[in-house]
Amino acid sequence: MEQVNPLAQQVAAQEREIQRLRQKLKEAETIIEFQKKSRNSWG
């Protein structure tokens, strides 16, 4: 049986985490932009 490289597993897990955090960042940036636009329209 082929031995799994523990570093490869760690890299894969970190890449998934990066993708998850990038998505959260994108959502946060969208909210911030919306809030900026809303604040500007209030005067």
N, C-alpha and C. Protein backbone atom coordinates (compact mmCIF):
# COMPACT_ATOMS: atom_id res chain seq x y z
N MET A 1 0.84 -1.19 0.00
CA MET A 1 0.00 0.00 0.00
C MET A 1 0.88 1.25 0.00
N GLU A 2 0.45 2.26 -0.73
CA GLU A 2 1.21 3.50 -0.86
C GLU A 2 1.08 4.33 0.40
N GLN A 3 2.23 4.85 0.87
CA GLN A 3 2.22 5.68 2.08
C GLN A 3 1.81 7.11 1.71
N VAL A 4 0.89 7.66 2.50
CA VAL A 4 0.41 9.02 2.25
C VAL A 4 1.37 10.00 2.91
N ASN A 5 1.76 11.00 2.16
CA ASN A 5 2.65 12.02 2.69
C ASN A 5 1.86 12.93 3.64
N PRO A 6 2.25 12.99 4.91
CA PRO A 6 1.51 13.82 5.86
C PRO A 6 1.55 15.31 5.48
N LEU A 7 2.64 15.74 4.84
CA LEU A 7 2.72 17.14 4.41
C LEU A 7 1.71 17.43 3.32
N ALA A 8 1.50 16.48 2.43
CA ALA A 8 0.53 16.66 1.35
C ALA A 8 -0.87 16.82 1.94
N GLN A 9 -1.17 16.04 2.97
CA GLN A 9 -2.47 16.15 3.64
C GLN A 9 -2.61 17.52 4.29
N GLN A 10 -1.53 17.99 4.92
CA GLN A 10 -1.57 19.28 5.59
C GLN A 10 -1.75 20.42 4.58
N VAL A 11 -1.04 20.33 3.46
CA VAL A 11 -1.17 21.35 2.42
C VAL A 11 -2.59 21.38 1.88
N ALA A 12 -3.17 20.22 1.63
CA ALA A 12 -4.54 20.14 1.12
C ALA A 12 -5.52 20.77 2.11
N ALA A 13 -5.33 20.49 3.39
CA ALA A 13 -6.21 21.05 4.41
C ALA A 13 -6.05 22.57 4.47
N GLN A 14 -4.83 23.06 4.36
CA GLN A 14 -4.61 24.50 4.40
C GLN A 14 -5.18 25.18 3.17
N GLU A 15 -5.09 24.52 2.01
CA GLU A 15 -5.68 25.10 0.80
C GLU A 15 -7.19 25.22 0.92
N ARG A 16 -7.83 24.22 1.53
CA ARG A 16 -9.28 24.30 1.77
C ARG A 16 -9.61 25.45 2.72
N GLU A 17 -8.79 25.61 3.74
CA GLU A 17 -9.00 26.70 4.70
C GLU A 17 -8.83 28.05 4.02
N ILE A 18 -7.84 28.18 3.16
CA ILE A 18 -7.62 29.43 2.42
C ILE A 18 -8.83 29.76 1.57
N GLN A 19 -9.37 28.77 0.88
CA GLN A 19 -10.56 28.98 0.05
C GLN A 19 -11.74 29.45 0.90
N ARG A 20 -11.90 28.81 2.05
CA ARG A 20 -13.00 29.17 2.96
C ARG A 20 -12.84 30.62 3.44
N LEU A 21 -11.63 30.99 3.81
CA LEU A 21 -11.38 32.34 4.31
C LEU A 21 -11.51 33.38 3.21
N ARG A 22 -11.10 33.03 2.00
CA ARG A 22 -11.26 33.95 0.87
C ARG A 22 -12.74 34.23 0.63
N GLN A 23 -13.56 33.20 0.75
CA GLN A 23 -15.00 33.37 0.56
C GLN A 23 -15.58 34.28 1.64
N LYS A 24 -15.16 34.06 2.89
CA LYS A 24 -15.63 34.91 3.99
C LYS A 24 -15.20 36.36 3.78
N LEU A 25 -13.97 36.55 3.30
CA LEU A 25 -13.46 37.89 3.04
C LEU A 25 -14.28 38.58 1.96
N LYS A 26 -14.59 37.84 0.91
CA LYS A 26 -15.40 38.39 -0.18
C LYS A 26 -16.76 38.83 0.34
N GLU A 27 -17.37 38.01 1.18
CA GLU A 27 -18.67 38.36 1.76
C GLU A 27 -18.56 39.60 2.64
N ALA A 28 -17.50 39.68 3.44
CA ALA A 28 -17.31 40.83 4.32
C ALA A 28 -17.10 42.10 3.50
N GLU A 29 -16.31 42.01 2.42
CA GLU A 29 -16.08 43.18 1.58
C GLU A 29 -17.38 43.65 0.93
N THR A 30 -18.23 42.71 0.54
CA THR A 30 -19.53 43.06 -0.05
C THR A 30 -20.38 43.81 0.96
N ILE A 31 -20.40 43.32 2.19
CA ILE A 31 -21.18 43.97 3.26
C ILE A 31 -20.64 45.38 3.52
N ILE A 32 -19.33 45.52 3.59
CA ILE A 32 -18.71 46.82 3.85
C ILE A 32 -19.06 47.81 2.74
N GLU A 33 -18.97 47.37 1.50
CA GLU A 33 -19.32 48.24 0.37
C GLU A 33 -20.77 48.69 0.46
N PHE A 34 -21.64 47.76 0.80
CA PHE A 34 -23.07 48.08 0.94
C PHE A 34 -23.27 49.12 2.05
N GLN A 35 -22.56 48.91 3.17
CA GLN A 35 -22.70 49.84 4.29
C GLN A 35 -22.18 51.22 3.92
N LYS A 36 -21.08 51.29 3.17
CA LYS A 36 -20.55 52.58 2.73
C LYS A 36 -21.58 53.31 1.86
N LYS A 37 -22.15 52.57 0.91
CA LYS A 37 -23.13 53.17 0.01
C LYS A 37 -24.37 53.62 0.79
N SER A 38 -24.80 52.83 1.74
CA SER A 38 -25.97 53.18 2.55
C SER A 38 -25.70 54.43 3.37
N ARG A 39 -24.53 54.52 3.96
CA ARG A 39 -24.16 55.65 4.80
C ARG A 39 -24.12 56.93 3.96
N ASN A 40 -23.57 56.83 2.74
CA ASN A 40 -23.50 58.00 1.86
C ASN A 40 -24.88 58.50 1.48
N SER A 41 -25.84 57.62 1.33
CA SER A 41 -27.17 58.04 0.91
C SER A 41 -27.96 58.66 2.07
N TRP A 42 -27.48 58.48 3.29
CA TRP A 42 -28.16 59.07 4.45
C TRP A 42 -27.81 60.54 4.63
N GLY A 43 -26.77 60.99 3.95
CA GLY A 43 -26.41 62.39 4.04
C GLY A 43 -25.10 62.54 4.68
